[in-house]
Amino acid sequence: MGYPERMTATRRPLGDYPYTHALQTRWSDNDVYGHVNNVTYYAYFDTAVNAFLIREGPLDPERGDVIGLVVETGCQYFSSLSFPDALTVGVAVERLGNSSVRYRLGVFRAGQDEPCAQGHFVHVYVDRGTRRPVPLPGPLRAALASLQVEPST
């Protein structure tokens, strides 16, 4: 029995992602089967999103009043990766809400246009102390808006 959502997933090429982040797989990313373990892709997603937020946006993960908490994730796998593959992770914003953002993410073997995996993250931005949702601060909203694309169907 197949998984219909996987078989009909629209694979987004690298050019559909306004921001890209280069990564190198590590020996420890591989599992006993000789390929990058499925949970590691989430670390790639998190690294790329936070690299953008720190470099291009106003995120200060150590001292900022507002922090993003991941409340939802998902990933579809199309082809395997293994050490020592060089990667490119694409980041786009599909939805920008009052206090939340939904990212579209793709993991690509360096130099290739077809994703090996693609997925999503949803961040809800909260007050660091109270952990209650807060409106996205203007500079953060502007940085995220620069990555906005049409939502996947």
N, C-alpha and C. Protein backbone atom coordinates (compact mmCIF):
# COMPACT_ATOMS: atom_id res chain seq x y z
N MET A 1 0.84 -1.17 0.00
CA MET A 1 0.00 0.00 0.00
C MET A 1 0.89 1.23 0.00
N GLY A 2 0.60 2.17 -0.88
CA GLY A 2 1.39 3.39 -0.98
C GLY A 2 0.86 4.49 -0.08
N TYR A 3 1.59 5.56 -0.06
CA TYR A 3 1.20 6.75 0.68
C TYR A 3 0.84 7.82 -0.34
N PRO A 4 -0.45 8.05 -0.60
CA PRO A 4 -0.86 8.96 -1.66
C PRO A 4 -0.27 10.35 -1.55
N GLU A 5 -0.18 10.89 -0.32
CA GLU A 5 0.34 12.25 -0.19
C GLU A 5 1.80 12.33 -0.62
N ARG A 6 2.58 11.27 -0.43
CA ARG A 6 3.98 11.27 -0.85
C ARG A 6 4.07 11.15 -2.37
N MET A 7 3.21 10.33 -2.95
CA MET A 7 3.28 10.11 -4.39
C MET A 7 2.83 11.33 -5.18
N THR A 8 2.00 12.17 -4.58
CA THR A 8 1.50 13.33 -5.30
C THR A 8 2.15 14.63 -4.86
N ALA A 9 3.13 14.55 -3.96
CA ALA A 9 3.79 15.76 -3.47
C ALA A 9 4.45 16.51 -4.61
N THR A 10 4.26 17.82 -4.62
CA THR A 10 4.95 18.66 -5.59
C THR A 10 6.37 18.87 -5.12
N ARG A 11 7.31 18.39 -5.87
CA ARG A 11 8.71 18.57 -5.51
C ARG A 11 9.15 19.93 -6.01
N ARG A 12 9.52 20.78 -5.08
CA ARG A 12 9.90 22.15 -5.41
C ARG A 12 11.38 22.22 -5.74
N PRO A 13 11.73 22.77 -6.92
CA PRO A 13 13.15 22.89 -7.28
C PRO A 13 13.84 23.95 -6.42
N LEU A 14 15.14 23.91 -6.41
CA LEU A 14 15.93 24.83 -5.61
C LEU A 14 15.58 26.29 -5.87
N GLY A 15 15.28 26.63 -7.11
CA GLY A 15 14.94 28.01 -7.47
C GLY A 15 13.68 28.54 -6.82
N ASP A 16 12.87 27.65 -6.23
CA ASP A 16 11.64 28.08 -5.53
C ASP A 16 11.91 28.56 -4.11
N TYR A 17 13.15 28.55 -3.69
CA TYR A 17 13.50 28.94 -2.32
C TYR A 17 14.32 30.23 -2.36
N PRO A 18 13.79 31.32 -1.77
CA PRO A 18 14.50 32.60 -1.81
C PRO A 18 15.80 32.64 -1.00
N TYR A 19 15.95 31.76 -0.02
CA TYR A 19 17.17 31.74 0.79
C TYR A 19 17.73 30.32 0.77
N THR A 20 19.04 30.21 0.64
CA THR A 20 19.69 28.90 0.69
C THR A 20 20.84 28.94 1.69
N HIS A 21 21.07 27.78 2.28
CA HIS A 21 22.12 27.65 3.28
C HIS A 21 22.91 26.37 2.98
N ALA A 22 24.22 26.49 2.86
CA ALA A 22 25.07 25.34 2.58
C ALA A 22 25.39 24.59 3.87
N LEU A 23 25.33 23.27 3.80
CA LEU A 23 25.67 22.41 4.94
C LEU A 23 26.51 21.24 4.46
N GLN A 24 27.28 20.69 5.36
CA GLN A 24 28.05 19.49 5.09
C GLN A 24 27.52 18.38 5.99
N THR A 25 27.20 17.22 5.41
CA THR A 25 26.80 16.10 6.27
C THR A 25 27.99 15.71 7.14
N ARG A 26 27.68 15.10 8.26
CA ARG A 26 28.71 14.64 9.19
C ARG A 26 28.67 13.12 9.27
N TRP A 27 29.75 12.53 9.65
CA TRP A 27 29.80 11.08 9.81
C TRP A 27 28.69 10.61 10.75
N SER A 28 28.45 11.36 11.81
CA SER A 28 27.44 10.97 12.80
C SER A 28 26.00 11.12 12.29
N ASP A 29 25.80 11.75 11.13
CA ASP A 29 24.46 11.86 10.56
C ASP A 29 23.96 10.52 10.01
N ASN A 30 24.90 9.65 9.62
CA ASN A 30 24.53 8.36 9.05
C ASN A 30 24.04 7.41 10.14
N ASP A 31 23.11 6.55 9.76
CA ASP A 31 22.65 5.52 10.68
C ASP A 31 23.22 4.17 10.26
N VAL A 32 22.79 3.12 10.90
CA VAL A 32 23.31 1.79 10.64
C VAL A 32 23.06 1.34 9.20
N TYR A 33 22.08 1.95 8.53
CA TYR A 33 21.76 1.60 7.15
C TYR A 33 22.63 2.33 6.13
N GLY A 34 23.53 3.19 6.61
CA GLY A 34 24.47 3.85 5.72
C GLY A 34 23.95 5.11 5.06
N HIS A 35 22.82 5.62 5.52
CA HIS A 35 22.31 6.89 4.97
C HIS A 35 21.98 7.83 6.12
N VAL A 36 21.77 9.11 5.77
CA VAL A 36 21.42 10.10 6.79
C VAL A 36 20.11 9.68 7.44
N ASN A 37 20.10 9.61 8.76
CA ASN A 37 18.90 9.21 9.49
C ASN A 37 17.81 10.25 9.34
N ASN A 38 16.56 9.79 9.30
CA ASN A 38 15.43 10.69 9.04
C ASN A 38 15.35 11.86 10.02
N VAL A 39 15.67 11.66 11.28
CA VAL A 39 15.54 12.76 12.24
C VAL A 39 16.56 13.87 11.99
N THR A 40 17.65 13.54 11.33
CA THR A 40 18.70 14.52 11.07
C THR A 40 18.23 15.63 10.13
N TYR A 41 17.29 15.32 9.24
CA TYR A 41 16.78 16.33 8.32
C TYR A 41 16.15 17.49 9.08
N TYR A 42 15.53 17.20 10.22
CA TYR A 42 14.94 18.27 11.03
C TYR A 42 16.01 19.20 11.58
N ALA A 43 17.17 18.65 11.92
CA ALA A 43 18.29 19.49 12.36
C ALA A 43 18.77 20.37 11.20
N TYR A 44 18.79 19.81 9.98
CA TYR A 44 19.16 20.63 8.82
C TYR A 44 18.17 21.77 8.64
N PHE A 45 16.87 21.48 8.76
CA PHE A 45 15.84 22.52 8.64
C PHE A 45 16.07 23.61 9.68
N ASP A 46 16.24 23.19 10.92
CA ASP A 46 16.40 24.13 12.03
C ASP A 46 17.64 25.00 11.84
N THR A 47 18.73 24.40 11.40
CA THR A 47 19.97 25.13 11.17
C THR A 47 19.79 26.19 10.10
N ALA A 48 19.15 25.84 8.99
CA ALA A 48 18.97 26.79 7.89
C ALA A 48 18.05 27.94 8.28
N VAL A 49 16.94 27.63 8.94
CA VAL A 49 16.00 28.69 9.36
C VAL A 49 16.68 29.64 10.33
N ASN A 50 17.36 29.10 11.33
CA ASN A 50 17.99 29.97 12.32
C ASN A 50 19.19 30.72 11.76
N ALA A 51 19.91 30.14 10.81
CA ALA A 51 20.99 30.88 10.15
C ALA A 51 20.41 32.12 9.46
N PHE A 52 19.29 31.95 8.76
CA PHE A 52 18.64 33.10 8.13
C PHE A 52 18.23 34.14 9.17
N LEU A 53 17.56 33.69 10.22
CA LEU A 53 17.04 34.62 11.22
C LEU A 53 18.14 35.38 11.95
N ILE A 54 19.27 34.75 12.16
CA ILE A 54 20.39 35.41 12.84
C ILE A 54 21.14 36.32 11.87
N ARG A 55 21.40 35.86 10.65
CA ARG A 55 22.19 36.64 9.69
C ARG A 55 21.39 37.75 9.03
N GLU A 56 20.16 37.46 8.65
CA GLU A 56 19.37 38.40 7.86
C GLU A 56 18.29 39.11 8.67
N GLY A 57 17.94 38.53 9.78
CA GLY A 57 16.86 39.09 10.59
C GLY A 57 17.40 39.55 11.94
N PRO A 58 16.50 39.91 12.80
CA PRO A 58 16.92 40.46 14.09
C PRO A 58 16.96 39.44 15.23
N LEU A 59 17.01 38.15 14.93
CA LEU A 59 16.95 37.15 15.99
C LEU A 59 18.20 37.18 16.85
N ASP A 60 18.01 37.28 18.15
CA ASP A 60 19.08 37.15 19.13
C ASP A 60 18.67 36.00 20.05
N PRO A 61 19.10 34.78 19.74
CA PRO A 61 18.62 33.61 20.48
C PRO A 61 19.02 33.60 21.95
N GLU A 62 20.04 34.35 22.32
CA GLU A 62 20.49 34.33 23.71
C GLU A 62 19.86 35.42 24.57
N ARG A 63 19.56 36.60 23.96
CA ARG A 63 19.10 37.72 24.77
C ARG A 63 17.80 38.36 24.29
N GLY A 64 17.28 37.95 23.15
CA GLY A 64 16.08 38.58 22.61
C GLY A 64 14.85 38.34 23.47
N ASP A 65 13.94 39.30 23.46
CA ASP A 65 12.68 39.18 24.21
C ASP A 65 11.70 38.23 23.54
N VAL A 66 11.84 38.07 22.21
CA VAL A 66 10.92 37.23 21.43
C VAL A 66 11.71 36.06 20.87
N ILE A 67 11.15 34.85 21.04
CA ILE A 67 11.79 33.65 20.51
C ILE A 67 10.76 32.83 19.73
N GLY A 68 11.23 32.05 18.78
CA GLY A 68 10.35 31.18 18.00
C GLY A 68 10.38 29.76 18.53
N LEU A 69 9.19 29.23 18.81
CA LEU A 69 9.08 27.83 19.24
C LEU A 69 8.48 27.02 18.10
N VAL A 70 9.08 25.88 17.81
CA VAL A 70 8.56 24.99 16.77
C VAL A 70 7.34 24.27 17.34
N VAL A 71 6.20 24.40 16.64
CA VAL A 71 4.97 23.75 17.10
C VAL A 71 4.49 22.68 16.13
N GLU A 72 5.08 22.62 14.94
CA GLU A 72 4.69 21.60 13.96
C GLU A 72 5.83 21.40 12.98
N THR A 73 6.06 20.15 12.59
CA THR A 73 7.05 19.83 11.58
C THR A 73 6.54 18.70 10.71
N GLY A 74 7.11 18.58 9.54
CA GLY A 74 6.81 17.46 8.66
C GLY A 74 7.90 17.35 7.62
N CYS A 75 8.10 16.13 7.10
CA CYS A 75 9.13 15.93 6.09
C CYS A 75 8.75 14.76 5.19
N GLN A 76 9.00 14.92 3.91
CA GLN A 76 8.85 13.84 2.93
C GLN A 76 10.23 13.57 2.34
N TYR A 77 10.55 12.29 2.16
CA TYR A 77 11.87 11.86 1.71
C TYR A 77 11.75 11.28 0.31
N PHE A 78 12.62 11.75 -0.58
CA PHE A 78 12.56 11.30 -1.98
C PHE A 78 13.78 10.47 -2.39
N SER A 79 14.95 10.82 -1.88
CA SER A 79 16.16 10.05 -2.17
C SER A 79 17.12 10.21 -1.00
N SER A 80 17.95 9.20 -0.79
CA SER A 80 18.80 9.21 0.41
C SER A 80 20.06 10.03 0.20
N LEU A 81 20.59 10.47 1.32
CA LEU A 81 21.86 11.18 1.40
C LEU A 81 22.76 10.39 2.33
N SER A 82 24.07 10.62 2.23
CA SER A 82 24.99 9.99 3.18
C SER A 82 26.26 10.83 3.27
N PHE A 83 27.00 10.63 4.34
CA PHE A 83 28.29 11.28 4.50
C PHE A 83 29.21 10.80 3.39
N PRO A 84 29.94 11.65 2.71
CA PRO A 84 30.23 13.06 2.95
C PRO A 84 29.50 14.03 2.01
N ASP A 85 28.23 13.81 1.74
CA ASP A 85 27.49 14.70 0.83
C ASP A 85 27.50 16.15 1.31
N ALA A 86 27.70 17.05 0.37
CA ALA A 86 27.51 18.49 0.62
C ALA A 86 26.07 18.81 0.27
N LEU A 87 25.44 19.67 1.05
CA LEU A 87 24.01 19.95 0.89
C LEU A 87 23.74 21.44 0.73
N THR A 88 22.58 21.70 0.17
CA THR A 88 22.00 23.04 0.18
C THR A 88 20.60 22.89 0.74
N VAL A 89 20.26 23.73 1.73
CA VAL A 89 18.92 23.72 2.30
C VAL A 89 18.23 25.00 1.86
N GLY A 90 17.07 24.85 1.22
CA GLY A 90 16.30 26.00 0.77
C GLY A 90 15.25 26.36 1.80
N VAL A 91 15.03 27.68 1.97
CA VAL A 91 14.06 28.18 2.95
C VAL A 91 13.13 29.16 2.25
N ALA A 92 11.83 28.97 2.45
CA ALA A 92 10.81 29.90 1.96
C ALA A 92 9.76 30.04 3.06
N VAL A 93 8.99 31.12 3.01
CA VAL A 93 7.89 31.33 3.95
C VAL A 93 6.59 31.18 3.17
N GLU A 94 5.77 30.21 3.59
CA GLU A 94 4.47 29.99 2.93
C GLU A 94 3.35 30.79 3.57
N ARG A 95 3.45 31.02 4.86
CA ARG A 95 2.39 31.77 5.55
C ARG A 95 3.00 32.58 6.67
N LEU A 96 2.61 33.85 6.71
CA LEU A 96 3.08 34.77 7.74
C LEU A 96 1.87 35.27 8.49
N GLY A 97 1.69 34.80 9.71
CA GLY A 97 0.54 35.19 10.52
C GLY A 97 0.89 36.31 11.48
N ASN A 98 0.03 36.53 12.46
CA ASN A 98 0.25 37.57 13.45
C ASN A 98 1.43 37.22 14.37
N SER A 99 1.47 35.95 14.83
CA SER A 99 2.54 35.52 15.72
C SER A 99 3.23 34.24 15.23
N SER A 100 2.86 33.79 14.04
CA SER A 100 3.41 32.52 13.56
C SER A 100 3.88 32.63 12.12
N VAL A 101 4.71 31.66 11.75
CA VAL A 101 5.22 31.58 10.38
C VAL A 101 5.34 30.11 10.00
N ARG A 102 4.95 29.80 8.77
CA ARG A 102 5.11 28.44 8.24
C ARG A 102 6.19 28.51 7.16
N TYR A 103 7.26 27.75 7.39
CA TYR A 103 8.38 27.68 6.46
C TYR A 103 8.23 26.46 5.56
N ARG A 104 8.56 26.62 4.28
CA ARG A 104 8.75 25.48 3.37
C ARG A 104 10.26 25.28 3.29
N LEU A 105 10.69 24.03 3.37
CA LEU A 105 12.11 23.72 3.39
C LEU A 105 12.43 22.58 2.43
N GLY A 106 13.56 22.68 1.77
CA GLY A 106 14.00 21.62 0.88
C GLY A 106 15.46 21.29 1.13
N VAL A 107 15.80 20.02 1.09
CA VAL A 107 17.19 19.58 1.25
C VAL A 107 17.64 19.03 -0.10
N PHE A 108 18.73 19.59 -0.60
CA PHE A 108 19.25 19.27 -1.93
C PHE A 108 20.70 18.83 -1.82
N ARG A 109 21.08 17.85 -2.61
CA ARG A 109 22.49 17.53 -2.77
C ARG A 109 23.10 18.72 -3.51
N ALA A 110 24.23 19.21 -3.05
CA ALA A 110 24.85 20.40 -3.64
C ALA A 110 24.97 20.24 -5.15
N GLY A 111 24.57 21.28 -5.88
CA GLY A 111 24.65 21.27 -7.33
C GLY A 111 23.47 20.64 -8.03
N GLN A 112 22.49 20.14 -7.27
CA GLN A 112 21.31 19.52 -7.88
C GLN A 112 20.07 20.37 -7.63
N ASP A 113 19.12 20.27 -8.53
CA ASP A 113 17.90 21.08 -8.48
C ASP A 113 16.71 20.34 -7.90
N GLU A 114 16.76 19.01 -7.86
CA GLU A 114 15.67 18.20 -7.33
C GLU A 114 15.91 17.93 -5.85
N PRO A 115 14.89 18.08 -5.01
CA PRO A 115 15.09 17.85 -3.58
C PRO A 115 15.24 16.37 -3.23
N CYS A 116 16.08 16.10 -2.27
CA CYS A 116 16.16 14.76 -1.68
C CYS A 116 15.09 14.61 -0.61
N ALA A 117 14.70 15.74 -0.02
CA ALA A 117 13.63 15.77 0.98
C ALA A 117 13.06 17.18 1.00
N GLN A 118 11.81 17.28 1.39
CA GLN A 118 11.23 18.61 1.61
C GLN A 118 10.24 18.51 2.75
N GLY A 119 10.05 19.64 3.41
CA GLY A 119 9.18 19.62 4.56
C GLY A 119 8.77 21.00 4.98
N HIS A 120 8.31 21.08 6.23
CA HIS A 120 7.86 22.37 6.75
C HIS A 120 8.12 22.45 8.25
N PHE A 121 8.20 23.66 8.72
CA PHE A 121 8.29 24.02 10.14
C PHE A 121 7.26 25.08 10.39
N VAL A 122 6.64 25.08 11.54
CA VAL A 122 5.81 26.20 11.97
C VAL A 122 6.41 26.72 13.27
N HIS A 123 6.78 27.99 13.25
CA HIS A 123 7.24 28.68 14.46
C HIS A 123 6.11 29.54 14.98
N VAL A 124 5.89 29.53 16.28
CA VAL A 124 5.05 30.52 16.95
C VAL A 124 6.01 31.36 17.78
N TYR A 125 5.95 32.67 17.58
CA TYR A 125 6.83 33.58 18.30
C TYR A 125 6.17 33.97 19.61
N VAL A 126 6.96 33.83 20.68
CA VAL A 126 6.45 34.03 22.03
C VAL A 126 7.38 34.94 22.82
N ASP A 127 6.84 35.49 23.89
CA ASP A 127 7.64 36.24 24.85
C ASP A 127 8.54 35.23 25.57
N ARG A 128 9.82 35.55 25.65
CA ARG A 128 10.78 34.63 26.26
C ARG A 128 10.39 34.25 27.69
N GLY A 129 9.92 35.21 28.46
CA GLY A 129 9.61 34.96 29.86
C GLY A 129 8.30 34.25 30.10
N THR A 130 7.25 34.70 29.42
CA THR A 130 5.91 34.15 29.67
C THR A 130 5.56 32.97 28.78
N ARG A 131 6.27 32.84 27.67
CA ARG A 131 5.99 31.80 26.65
C ARG A 131 4.60 31.96 26.03
N ARG A 132 4.07 33.17 26.09
CA ARG A 132 2.78 33.48 25.47
C ARG A 132 3.04 34.07 24.08
N PRO A 133 2.20 33.73 23.08
CA PRO A 133 2.37 34.29 21.74
C PRO A 133 2.34 35.81 21.75
N VAL A 134 3.19 36.38 20.90
CA VAL A 134 3.24 37.84 20.73
C VAL A 134 3.25 38.15 19.24
N PRO A 135 2.78 39.33 18.85
CA PRO A 135 2.87 39.71 17.44
C PRO A 135 4.34 39.75 16.98
N LEU A 136 4.56 39.37 15.74
CA LEU A 136 5.91 39.43 15.19
C LEU A 136 6.40 40.87 15.20
N PRO A 137 7.58 41.14 15.79
CA PRO A 137 8.12 42.50 15.74
C PRO A 137 8.37 42.92 14.29
N GLY A 138 8.25 44.21 14.02
CA GLY A 138 8.38 44.74 12.66
C GLY A 138 9.61 44.27 11.90
N PRO A 139 10.82 44.39 12.48
CA PRO A 139 12.02 43.94 11.75
C PRO A 139 12.01 42.44 11.43
N LEU A 140 11.48 41.64 12.34
CA LEU A 140 11.39 40.20 12.10
C LEU A 140 10.38 39.92 11.00
N ARG A 141 9.23 40.58 11.05
CA ARG A 141 8.20 40.42 10.02
C ARG A 141 8.77 40.80 8.64
N ALA A 142 9.51 41.89 8.57
CA ALA A 142 10.08 42.34 7.29
C ALA A 142 11.07 41.30 6.75
N ALA A 143 11.92 40.76 7.62
CA ALA A 143 12.89 39.75 7.18
C ALA A 143 12.16 38.51 6.66
N LEU A 144 11.15 38.06 7.38
CA LEU A 144 10.40 36.88 6.96
C LEU A 144 9.61 37.13 5.68
N ALA A 145 9.06 38.33 5.53
CA ALA A 145 8.29 38.68 4.33
C ALA A 145 9.16 38.60 3.08
N SER A 146 10.46 38.82 3.23
CA SER A 146 11.36 38.74 2.06
C SER A 146 11.46 37.32 1.51
N LEU A 147 11.02 36.34 2.28
CA LEU A 147 11.07 34.93 1.86
C LEU A 147 9.71 34.39 1.44
N GLN A 148 8.69 35.25 1.45
CA GLN A 148 7.32 34.77 1.23
C GLN A 148 7.10 34.32 -0.21
N VAL A 149 6.45 33.16 -0.34
CA VAL A 149 6.10 32.55 -1.62
C VAL A 149 4.65 32.08 -1.53
N GLU A 150 4.11 31.64 -2.65
CA GLU A 150 2.76 31.06 -2.65
C GLU A 150 2.78 29.74 -1.90
N PRO A 151 1.75 29.47 -1.09
CA PRO A 151 1.71 28.19 -0.36
C PRO A 151 1.67 27.00 -1.31
N SER A 152 2.21 25.89 -0.85
CA SER A 152 2.16 24.64 -1.61
C SER A 152 0.72 24.16 -1.69
N THR A 153 0.41 23.46 -2.76
CA THR A 153 -0.94 22.89 -2.90
C THR A 153 -0.89 21.39 -2.80
